[in-house]
Each structure stands twice: as structure tokens, then as C-alpha cells.
Amino acid sequence: MNRNTRVTIFAGLLILVLLVTGLLVTFPAVPADIPKKTVVVYTSVDQIYSEPVFHDFENETGIRVLAVYDVEATKTTGLVNRLIAEKNRPRADVFWSGEFGQTILLKNESVLTAYSSPSAADIPPQFLDEDDYWTGFGGRARVFIVNTDRLTPDQYPESIYDLLSARYAGNTVGIAYPMFGTTATHAAALYSYLGTDEARGFFTNISNREVRVVDGNSVVRDLVVDGQLAFGLTDTDDACGAVEKGAHVAIIVPDQGEGRMGTLVIPNTVALIAGAPHPDEAKAFIDYVLDKKTEDAMVNSGWIQIPSRDVPTKTACMNITGIKAMNISYQEVYTGIPATQKDLIEIFIR
């Protein structure tokens, strides 16, 4: 690793520390006097996708939504710091996130309270907190994006272990740095599923084989689209964006089929804030978001690529029928992230 790359990574880690401590975060104030029939939702979901859900909920229920969005540079972390700071005098009623890690952190910090929504009755158990402090539903998955000009269908990868296969030169395949973002979450899931020794060996071989390790999932996507990589590991939202723009790519869900481990699905999560000022309205909103028809609408809008249930709308960019998700505990994955990151820093920052 050259000096410039090492400096960039250390700078990225420093920024993450600043974000976690909340030093770079400012948010609009929530009005002190909020009328009844209002629900205050803190959300990390992009406004272009969450706002239509809020409007539809308002039209259907007559309950006004006061939304507080994240700051783009901080994503979910800043909202979580705010919720923790407000714990003794909560201003929010609901937290809606596009991932699960920060929601589990809020549970651990006693910011959330239990609520079992009737709308979640048909959501698979693996997406549900065992104590009902949060509920997961559809979201993203980890997939391969393949350049169809470089590989024919019989050459497509089928497993994450194909990143180590001699069939492909190391510098023709790629991943994002596994200390950041959803690649870090995926790495923690692999440590949980495979065990520390096998997972460490996998990532050590990734490094030793000189697989292209780049700054993010979108960079992986762009390198595949440009033909600089034959395939790479990314998220469904990035891969689907390339398909929708007409790029010569295919999306492959890895490790599918009987006896295979499946791929990581990263669900949306929604939770009730302990001491919420508007608990009845909050529960009504949670019920609405978890309703199957709302999940279908979010598939249609493009926010969700992998629904938690069978919904009428089909994801246009890929076949999602029968996708096998990794059978993991999201709580265990979250708990294992610090140790996983320590390992990965030793492997990839030298």
C-alpha cells in the first residue's frame, strides 16, 4: 500500500471518529410545541424515498409527519448521537434507518422501547429483534456486478470464494475496503457465520492475492462498468443503478442454493423511541411502514431491492425470486464489529 493510500484511509478513520462523537453534526431544531396528531420521525432514509411514504401516511391517517433527516456527510451516525443526547427528554417518536447496526446501538443505549407491530406478523423471524425493540423489513443485499463484455455466463462467479479463484487474476476482481460501510457489515457477518479463523483467512487471502480493494461500493461498480474489473462485490442499489443506465453488466447473487451460506441482506429497521411524546401516532406510523403494501411501494420506488415478503412489484434490475439470505443474528454481527475491524485494519493497513 503506498503512502497516499495509507494517509487517505487514516483520514477516513479519523473522520469516522469525529462523526461518532458528533463533533461534525448540526441538525434543524424540532419545535418545542408540536400539535397532537403528529409523529416525529428521525430517519436516515434518503428524502427522495422516505418523503413519499410520509405523504401517503399523512393522507391515509390524517397524522402529520415531522421528519428529521440525516446530514449527508454523517449518514445514520449523527441522528443516533442526537437520539442518545435526547434520551432523558426525547423529541423523536420513531427512528427509521436503512440499516440495522445503529438501531441496535440505540437499543443497547436504552433509547428504544419494545413494540410488536401487527403488521410484522408475516415478516421472517430473522428480521425481528428477539425483544421487539426494532423490526426489520426489506432492504439491500450484497451481490456481484459482472462486466458482460469480459465474462460469458459460464464464467460468472457463484460464490464470494470466487474472489480467490485461480480462474480470475487478482487485479481483475474487486471489493471495497472492508473497514467501512456495508462491506464492513458484510465482513462482520462473515466472521459471525464462518468463525474468526476462516474469515480472517479469507480476507488475508484477499489481501495477499492483490484483489483490487477500493474506496467504496460505487467505485467497485464504476470499475466493473468501465471494464477495468471483470466483477466485483457491491450492494444491490449500486448494481441496479448500473443496470438501469444500460451498462453491460449482470447482477449475480452469491452463495445461493442448497447447502450454501446465502448472501447478506441488510434490512431497513424501524423502532419506537422510549418516552416518545406521541406514542399512539408513533405506533400507527410503524404499523404503516411495516405494512406489506408500503414495502411494495418502496420496491416500486427503488428504495428496496430485496423485500422481506413476497410483494406484487418485482425488482426490475434483477431476479429476486427465492434469494437465500445468510442465517445470522444481526445482534451478533453488530457485537462483533469492533473485533472484526481490528483484524481487518491489521490485514489491509500495512
Foldseek 3Di string as FASTA:
>chain_A
DDPVVLVVVVVVVVVLVCLLVLVPDDWDDDDPDDDPLEAEEEELFDCVQVVVLQVVLCVVPVRHYHYTYGDVVNRPNNVLVVLLVCQVPDPHFKYKYQFPLSLVVCVVSQFFDADDAPQCPPFDPLQADPRRQKGWWFHKWKWKKFQCVVDPPVRDDAAPCCCLDPVDQQQQEEEEQCLDDVSVLQLLQCCQQVPPVVSLVSVLSNLVSNRHYHHAQLVQLVCRLVNSHRMYMHMPLSNLVCVVVPGNIAIHFHQDDPPTQFTAGGTIMMGTTVPHPHNVSSSSSVSSCSHLVNLLVSLVVSRGQATSDDHPDHNPRHHNPPGDHGSGRSSSSSVRSVVSSVSSCVSNND
